[in-house]
Structures are given as structure tokens and as C-alpha cells.
N, C-alpha and C. Protein backbone atom coordinates (compact mmCIF):
# COMPACT_ATOMS: atom_id res chain seq x y z
N MET A 1 16.39 -28.02 -41.34
CA MET A 1 16.49 -27.26 -40.10
C MET A 1 17.60 -27.87 -39.25
N HIS A 2 18.42 -27.03 -38.67
CA HIS A 2 19.55 -27.47 -37.86
C HIS A 2 19.26 -27.16 -36.40
N PHE A 3 18.35 -27.92 -35.83
CA PHE A 3 17.94 -27.68 -34.45
C PHE A 3 19.10 -27.78 -33.45
N PRO A 4 19.94 -28.82 -33.50
CA PRO A 4 21.05 -28.89 -32.54
C PRO A 4 21.98 -27.68 -32.62
N ARG A 5 22.25 -27.20 -33.83
CA ARG A 5 23.12 -26.04 -33.99
C ARG A 5 22.44 -24.80 -33.41
N MET A 6 21.14 -24.67 -33.63
CA MET A 6 20.38 -23.53 -33.07
C MET A 6 20.38 -23.59 -31.55
N LEU A 7 20.24 -24.79 -31.00
CA LEU A 7 20.22 -24.95 -29.56
C LEU A 7 21.58 -24.55 -28.97
N LYS A 8 22.66 -24.98 -29.61
CA LYS A 8 23.99 -24.59 -29.14
C LYS A 8 24.17 -23.08 -29.22
N ALA A 9 23.72 -22.49 -30.30
CA ALA A 9 23.86 -21.04 -30.46
C ALA A 9 23.07 -20.29 -29.39
N ALA A 10 21.91 -20.81 -29.02
CA ALA A 10 21.10 -20.16 -27.99
C ALA A 10 21.68 -20.38 -26.61
N ALA A 11 22.30 -21.51 -26.37
CA ALA A 11 22.84 -21.85 -25.05
C ALA A 11 24.11 -21.08 -24.73
N LEU A 12 24.91 -20.74 -25.72
CA LEU A 12 26.17 -20.07 -25.48
C LEU A 12 26.01 -18.74 -24.73
N PRO A 13 25.14 -17.84 -25.14
CA PRO A 13 24.98 -16.60 -24.37
C PRO A 13 24.53 -16.86 -22.93
N LEU A 14 23.68 -17.85 -22.73
CA LEU A 14 23.22 -18.18 -21.39
C LEU A 14 24.38 -18.65 -20.52
N LEU A 15 25.22 -19.51 -21.07
CA LEU A 15 26.38 -20.00 -20.32
C LEU A 15 27.34 -18.86 -19.99
N LEU A 16 27.55 -17.95 -20.93
CA LEU A 16 28.41 -16.81 -20.66
C LEU A 16 27.83 -15.92 -19.56
N LEU A 17 26.53 -15.72 -19.59
CA LEU A 17 25.86 -14.92 -18.58
C LEU A 17 26.02 -15.57 -17.20
N LEU A 18 25.82 -16.87 -17.12
CA LEU A 18 25.96 -17.57 -15.85
C LEU A 18 27.40 -17.51 -15.34
N THR A 19 28.35 -17.61 -16.23
CA THR A 19 29.75 -17.55 -15.83
C THR A 19 30.07 -16.19 -15.22
N VAL A 20 29.52 -15.14 -15.79
CA VAL A 20 29.75 -13.80 -15.27
C VAL A 20 28.96 -13.58 -13.99
N ALA A 21 27.74 -14.08 -13.92
CA ALA A 21 26.85 -13.79 -12.80
C ALA A 21 27.12 -14.63 -11.57
N LEU A 22 27.59 -15.84 -11.69
CA LEU A 22 27.72 -16.72 -10.54
C LEU A 22 28.62 -16.19 -9.42
N PRO A 23 29.76 -15.56 -9.70
CA PRO A 23 30.59 -15.11 -8.58
C PRO A 23 30.01 -13.93 -7.80
N THR A 24 29.01 -13.28 -8.31
CA THR A 24 28.45 -12.10 -7.68
C THR A 24 27.62 -12.49 -6.47
N PHE A 25 27.86 -11.81 -5.35
CA PHE A 25 27.11 -12.08 -4.13
C PHE A 25 26.29 -10.85 -3.77
N ALA A 26 25.09 -11.08 -3.30
CA ALA A 26 24.22 -10.05 -2.72
C ALA A 26 23.57 -9.15 -3.76
N GLN A 27 22.42 -8.65 -3.37
CA GLN A 27 21.71 -7.69 -4.19
C GLN A 27 22.44 -6.35 -4.16
N LEU A 28 22.62 -5.82 -2.95
CA LEU A 28 23.33 -4.55 -2.78
C LEU A 28 24.45 -4.75 -1.78
N ASP A 29 25.53 -4.05 -2.01
CA ASP A 29 26.64 -4.10 -1.08
C ASP A 29 26.29 -3.29 0.17
N VAL A 30 27.02 -3.48 1.23
CA VAL A 30 26.82 -2.75 2.48
C VAL A 30 26.94 -1.25 2.22
N GLY A 31 26.04 -0.46 2.80
CA GLY A 31 26.11 0.99 2.66
C GLY A 31 24.75 1.63 2.49
N SER A 32 24.77 2.89 2.09
CA SER A 32 23.55 3.68 1.89
C SER A 32 23.42 4.07 0.43
N TYR A 33 22.18 4.16 -0.02
CA TYR A 33 21.89 4.45 -1.42
C TYR A 33 20.74 5.45 -1.52
N GLN A 34 20.75 6.24 -2.60
CA GLN A 34 19.65 7.14 -2.94
C GLN A 34 18.86 6.51 -4.08
N LEU A 35 17.56 6.55 -3.96
CA LEU A 35 16.66 6.02 -4.98
C LEU A 35 16.02 7.22 -5.67
N GLU A 36 16.15 7.32 -6.99
CA GLU A 36 15.62 8.48 -7.72
C GLU A 36 14.71 8.05 -8.86
N GLN A 37 13.69 8.89 -9.08
CA GLN A 37 12.80 8.74 -10.24
C GLN A 37 12.69 10.11 -10.88
N ASP A 38 12.97 10.18 -12.17
CA ASP A 38 12.93 11.44 -12.92
C ASP A 38 13.76 12.53 -12.25
N GLY A 39 14.93 12.18 -11.71
CA GLY A 39 15.83 13.15 -11.11
C GLY A 39 15.46 13.61 -9.71
N ILE A 40 14.43 13.02 -9.12
CA ILE A 40 13.97 13.40 -7.79
C ILE A 40 14.24 12.24 -6.83
N THR A 41 14.80 12.55 -5.67
CA THR A 41 15.03 11.51 -4.67
C THR A 41 13.69 11.09 -4.09
N VAL A 42 13.39 9.79 -4.22
CA VAL A 42 12.11 9.25 -3.75
C VAL A 42 12.29 8.14 -2.72
N GLY A 43 13.53 7.96 -2.26
CA GLY A 43 13.75 6.95 -1.24
C GLY A 43 15.22 6.78 -0.93
N GLN A 44 15.45 6.07 0.17
CA GLN A 44 16.79 5.72 0.59
C GLN A 44 16.82 4.24 0.93
N ILE A 45 18.00 3.66 0.78
CA ILE A 45 18.20 2.25 1.12
C ILE A 45 19.41 2.15 2.03
N PHE A 46 19.30 1.31 3.04
CA PHE A 46 20.42 1.06 3.94
C PHE A 46 20.64 -0.44 4.05
N VAL A 47 21.90 -0.85 3.85
CA VAL A 47 22.29 -2.25 4.00
C VAL A 47 23.34 -2.29 5.10
N PRO A 48 23.00 -2.84 6.28
CA PRO A 48 23.95 -2.84 7.39
C PRO A 48 25.12 -3.80 7.16
N GLU A 49 26.17 -3.57 7.94
CA GLU A 49 27.36 -4.44 7.89
C GLU A 49 26.95 -5.89 8.14
N ARG A 50 27.67 -6.79 7.49
CA ARG A 50 27.44 -8.22 7.69
C ARG A 50 28.71 -8.96 7.30
N ASP A 51 28.80 -10.18 7.72
CA ASP A 51 29.92 -11.03 7.36
C ASP A 51 29.77 -11.42 5.90
N PRO A 52 30.80 -11.30 5.08
CA PRO A 52 30.69 -11.66 3.65
C PRO A 52 30.28 -13.10 3.41
N GLU A 53 30.47 -13.95 4.40
CA GLU A 53 30.10 -15.36 4.27
C GLU A 53 28.64 -15.62 4.62
N ASP A 54 27.93 -14.61 5.15
CA ASP A 54 26.52 -14.81 5.51
C ASP A 54 25.71 -15.20 4.29
N CYS A 55 24.78 -16.10 4.50
CA CYS A 55 23.91 -16.55 3.41
C CYS A 55 22.61 -15.76 3.37
N THR A 56 22.27 -15.10 4.47
CA THR A 56 21.07 -14.27 4.51
C THR A 56 21.45 -12.87 4.99
N TYR A 57 20.71 -11.89 4.52
CA TYR A 57 20.93 -10.52 4.97
C TYR A 57 19.67 -9.72 4.71
N ARG A 58 19.67 -8.50 5.20
CA ARG A 58 18.47 -7.65 5.14
C ARG A 58 18.83 -6.28 4.59
N GLU A 59 17.93 -5.74 3.75
CA GLU A 59 18.03 -4.38 3.22
C GLU A 59 16.82 -3.60 3.75
N TYR A 60 17.02 -2.32 4.04
CA TYR A 60 15.94 -1.46 4.52
C TYR A 60 15.71 -0.37 3.48
N TRP A 61 14.55 -0.41 2.85
CA TRP A 61 14.17 0.56 1.83
C TRP A 61 13.14 1.50 2.44
N TYR A 62 13.44 2.80 2.47
CA TYR A 62 12.46 3.79 2.93
C TYR A 62 11.99 4.55 1.70
N LEU A 63 10.72 4.39 1.38
CA LEU A 63 10.14 4.99 0.17
C LEU A 63 9.31 6.21 0.54
N HIS A 64 9.60 7.34 -0.08
CA HIS A 64 8.88 8.58 0.19
C HIS A 64 7.46 8.48 -0.37
N GLU A 65 6.63 9.44 0.02
CA GLU A 65 5.24 9.46 -0.45
C GLU A 65 5.15 9.50 -1.97
N GLY A 66 6.10 10.16 -2.64
CA GLY A 66 6.04 10.30 -4.08
C GLY A 66 6.58 9.12 -4.87
N TYR A 67 7.06 8.09 -4.19
CA TYR A 67 7.61 6.93 -4.89
C TYR A 67 6.52 6.20 -5.66
N VAL A 68 6.83 5.83 -6.90
CA VAL A 68 5.91 5.06 -7.74
C VAL A 68 6.58 3.72 -8.03
N TYR A 69 5.87 2.64 -7.74
CA TYR A 69 6.43 1.32 -8.03
C TYR A 69 6.62 1.18 -9.54
N PRO A 70 7.84 0.86 -9.99
CA PRO A 70 8.11 0.75 -11.42
C PRO A 70 7.38 -0.44 -12.04
N SER A 71 6.94 -0.24 -13.26
CA SER A 71 6.35 -1.33 -14.02
C SER A 71 6.40 -1.00 -15.50
N ARG A 72 6.23 -2.00 -16.28
CA ARG A 72 6.20 -1.80 -17.73
C ARG A 72 4.97 -0.99 -18.12
N SER A 73 3.86 -1.23 -17.44
CA SER A 73 2.62 -0.55 -17.83
C SER A 73 2.62 0.94 -17.50
N ASN A 74 3.28 1.35 -16.40
CA ASN A 74 3.28 2.78 -16.10
C ASN A 74 4.52 3.50 -16.63
N GLY A 75 5.47 2.75 -17.15
CA GLY A 75 6.65 3.35 -17.76
C GLY A 75 7.60 4.01 -16.78
N VAL A 76 7.41 3.79 -15.49
CA VAL A 76 8.25 4.41 -14.47
C VAL A 76 9.39 3.47 -14.12
N GLY A 77 10.57 4.01 -13.99
CA GLY A 77 11.74 3.25 -13.57
C GLY A 77 12.39 3.96 -12.40
N PHE A 78 13.59 3.57 -12.06
CA PHE A 78 14.33 4.28 -11.03
C PHE A 78 15.82 4.10 -11.24
N THR A 79 16.59 4.99 -10.63
CA THR A 79 18.03 4.85 -10.62
C THR A 79 18.47 4.74 -9.16
N LEU A 80 19.57 4.08 -8.97
CA LEU A 80 20.10 3.83 -7.64
C LEU A 80 21.54 4.32 -7.63
N GLU A 81 21.86 5.18 -6.67
CA GLU A 81 23.21 5.72 -6.56
C GLU A 81 23.72 5.51 -5.15
N ALA A 82 24.97 5.10 -5.01
CA ALA A 82 25.57 5.01 -3.68
C ALA A 82 25.60 6.41 -3.09
N ASP A 83 25.24 6.52 -1.82
CA ASP A 83 25.21 7.82 -1.14
C ASP A 83 26.56 8.05 -0.49
N ALA A 84 27.43 8.79 -1.17
CA ALA A 84 28.80 9.02 -0.69
C ALA A 84 28.84 9.88 0.56
N GLU A 85 27.78 10.64 0.82
CA GLU A 85 27.76 11.54 1.98
C GLU A 85 27.17 10.88 3.22
N ALA A 86 26.60 9.71 3.09
CA ALA A 86 25.94 9.05 4.22
C ALA A 86 26.95 8.65 5.29
N THR A 87 26.54 8.84 6.53
CA THR A 87 27.39 8.44 7.67
C THR A 87 26.65 7.46 8.57
N THR A 88 25.52 6.98 8.13
CA THR A 88 24.69 6.08 8.93
C THR A 88 25.45 4.81 9.27
N GLN A 89 25.38 4.42 10.54
CA GLN A 89 26.09 3.24 11.00
C GLN A 89 25.15 2.13 11.49
N SER A 90 23.88 2.46 11.72
CA SER A 90 22.95 1.45 12.26
C SER A 90 21.58 1.62 11.64
N VAL A 91 20.79 0.57 11.74
CA VAL A 91 19.42 0.61 11.23
C VAL A 91 18.61 1.66 11.98
N GLU A 92 18.77 1.73 13.29
CA GLU A 92 18.03 2.69 14.10
C GLU A 92 18.33 4.13 13.67
N GLU A 93 19.61 4.41 13.44
CA GLU A 93 20.03 5.74 13.00
C GLU A 93 19.45 6.05 11.61
N PHE A 94 19.51 5.08 10.72
CA PHE A 94 18.96 5.26 9.37
C PHE A 94 17.47 5.59 9.44
N LEU A 95 16.71 4.80 10.19
CA LEU A 95 15.26 5.02 10.27
C LEU A 95 14.93 6.36 10.90
N ALA A 96 15.64 6.75 11.94
CA ALA A 96 15.40 8.04 12.57
C ALA A 96 15.65 9.19 11.59
N GLU A 97 16.73 9.10 10.82
CA GLU A 97 17.06 10.15 9.85
C GLU A 97 16.04 10.25 8.73
N VAL A 98 15.71 9.13 8.10
CA VAL A 98 14.82 9.19 6.94
C VAL A 98 13.39 9.55 7.34
N GLU A 99 12.93 9.06 8.49
CA GLU A 99 11.57 9.39 8.93
C GLU A 99 11.46 10.87 9.32
N ALA A 100 12.52 11.43 9.91
CA ALA A 100 12.51 12.85 10.28
C ALA A 100 12.50 13.75 9.04
N LYS A 101 13.26 13.36 8.02
CA LYS A 101 13.35 14.18 6.80
C LYS A 101 12.16 13.98 5.87
N ASN A 102 11.53 12.82 5.90
CA ASN A 102 10.46 12.48 4.95
C ASN A 102 9.32 11.76 5.66
N PRO A 103 8.60 12.47 6.53
CA PRO A 103 7.49 11.80 7.22
C PRO A 103 6.42 11.35 6.22
N GLY A 104 5.75 10.29 6.54
CA GLY A 104 4.69 9.80 5.67
C GLY A 104 5.15 8.76 4.67
N GLY A 105 6.43 8.42 4.70
CA GLY A 105 6.95 7.39 3.81
C GLY A 105 6.62 6.01 4.35
N ARG A 106 7.15 5.00 3.69
CA ARG A 106 6.91 3.63 4.15
C ARG A 106 8.21 2.85 4.11
N LEU A 107 8.35 1.97 5.09
CA LEU A 107 9.53 1.13 5.19
C LEU A 107 9.25 -0.22 4.56
N VAL A 108 10.16 -0.65 3.69
CA VAL A 108 10.08 -1.97 3.08
C VAL A 108 11.35 -2.71 3.49
N ILE A 109 11.16 -3.86 4.14
CA ILE A 109 12.30 -4.66 4.58
C ILE A 109 12.45 -5.83 3.61
N VAL A 110 13.62 -5.92 3.01
CA VAL A 110 13.89 -6.96 2.03
C VAL A 110 14.85 -7.98 2.66
N ASP A 111 14.36 -9.20 2.87
CA ASP A 111 15.19 -10.29 3.36
C ASP A 111 15.67 -11.10 2.17
N SER A 112 16.97 -11.26 2.07
CA SER A 112 17.56 -11.98 0.94
C SER A 112 18.30 -13.21 1.42
N THR A 113 18.20 -14.28 0.63
CA THR A 113 18.95 -15.50 0.88
C THR A 113 19.72 -15.85 -0.37
N GLU A 114 21.03 -15.99 -0.22
CA GLU A 114 21.86 -16.37 -1.35
C GLU A 114 21.91 -17.89 -1.45
N ILE A 115 21.84 -18.38 -2.66
CA ILE A 115 21.99 -19.82 -2.92
C ILE A 115 23.32 -19.98 -3.63
N ARG A 116 24.29 -20.48 -2.89
CA ARG A 116 25.63 -20.68 -3.42
C ARG A 116 26.32 -21.72 -2.56
N GLN A 117 27.49 -22.14 -3.00
CA GLN A 117 28.24 -23.13 -2.23
C GLN A 117 28.54 -22.56 -0.85
N GLY A 118 28.31 -23.36 0.17
CA GLY A 118 28.55 -22.92 1.54
C GLY A 118 27.33 -22.40 2.24
N CYS A 119 26.24 -22.28 1.52
CA CYS A 119 24.99 -21.80 2.14
C CYS A 119 24.00 -22.94 2.27
């Protein structure tokens, strides 16, 4: 058995993945997004402007009544698309728009902290 060779072979893809992934910052870029399940819009996401050097930021997810939390057991997933038509400039404007169009939904606030040099 060639354990050291197997270990090197297993480590190479991980190192390549880290090399590609490390320069990436943030979960979502600034802007608005549509959340869809089975071709139906089930939510919107808004990420307000921030300084690119910020180590923490916030995303606002508004989930409609029909949104199903994805899991392996229920087989439900979702797609995320940038909303090219969105003109929202503030959190207040975003919340007013989505609540008016989709009453009964729920707001999920995602606070993110990046761990990288300078943070």
C-alpha cells in the first residue's frame, strides 16, 4: 500500500480548490436577486452597498409563503438569479416593495463575517 502517494493524490484537489476559492470575497455581491424553486419566484434577496474592505456585511432574504427550505431529504433546491430589473437602493425600500407584493412572507437577515487577511 502506498499511503503517502495516496495522501498526496487526495491533497492535490483540495489545494487547487483552496487556491481558486481563497481570493473570493463575500457570499453574494451587492445587488438584488430572485430566488426560484421549480421555476417559481419564492423570494428576493437584497445586499446593500458596502465598502469592499469591510469584513462584515448583511444580506436580507425575503422568503414568500411558498418557499421550502432545501434539503437532501425533501429533494428541494433553489436557483438564484441577479435581478437585472431591480432599482432598489436601500433596505427600507426593498422591504416595503417585497412585503407589499408578497404579504405573509418572512424576513431572514444573514450576517456574514469574512475571515481573510486584514479582517
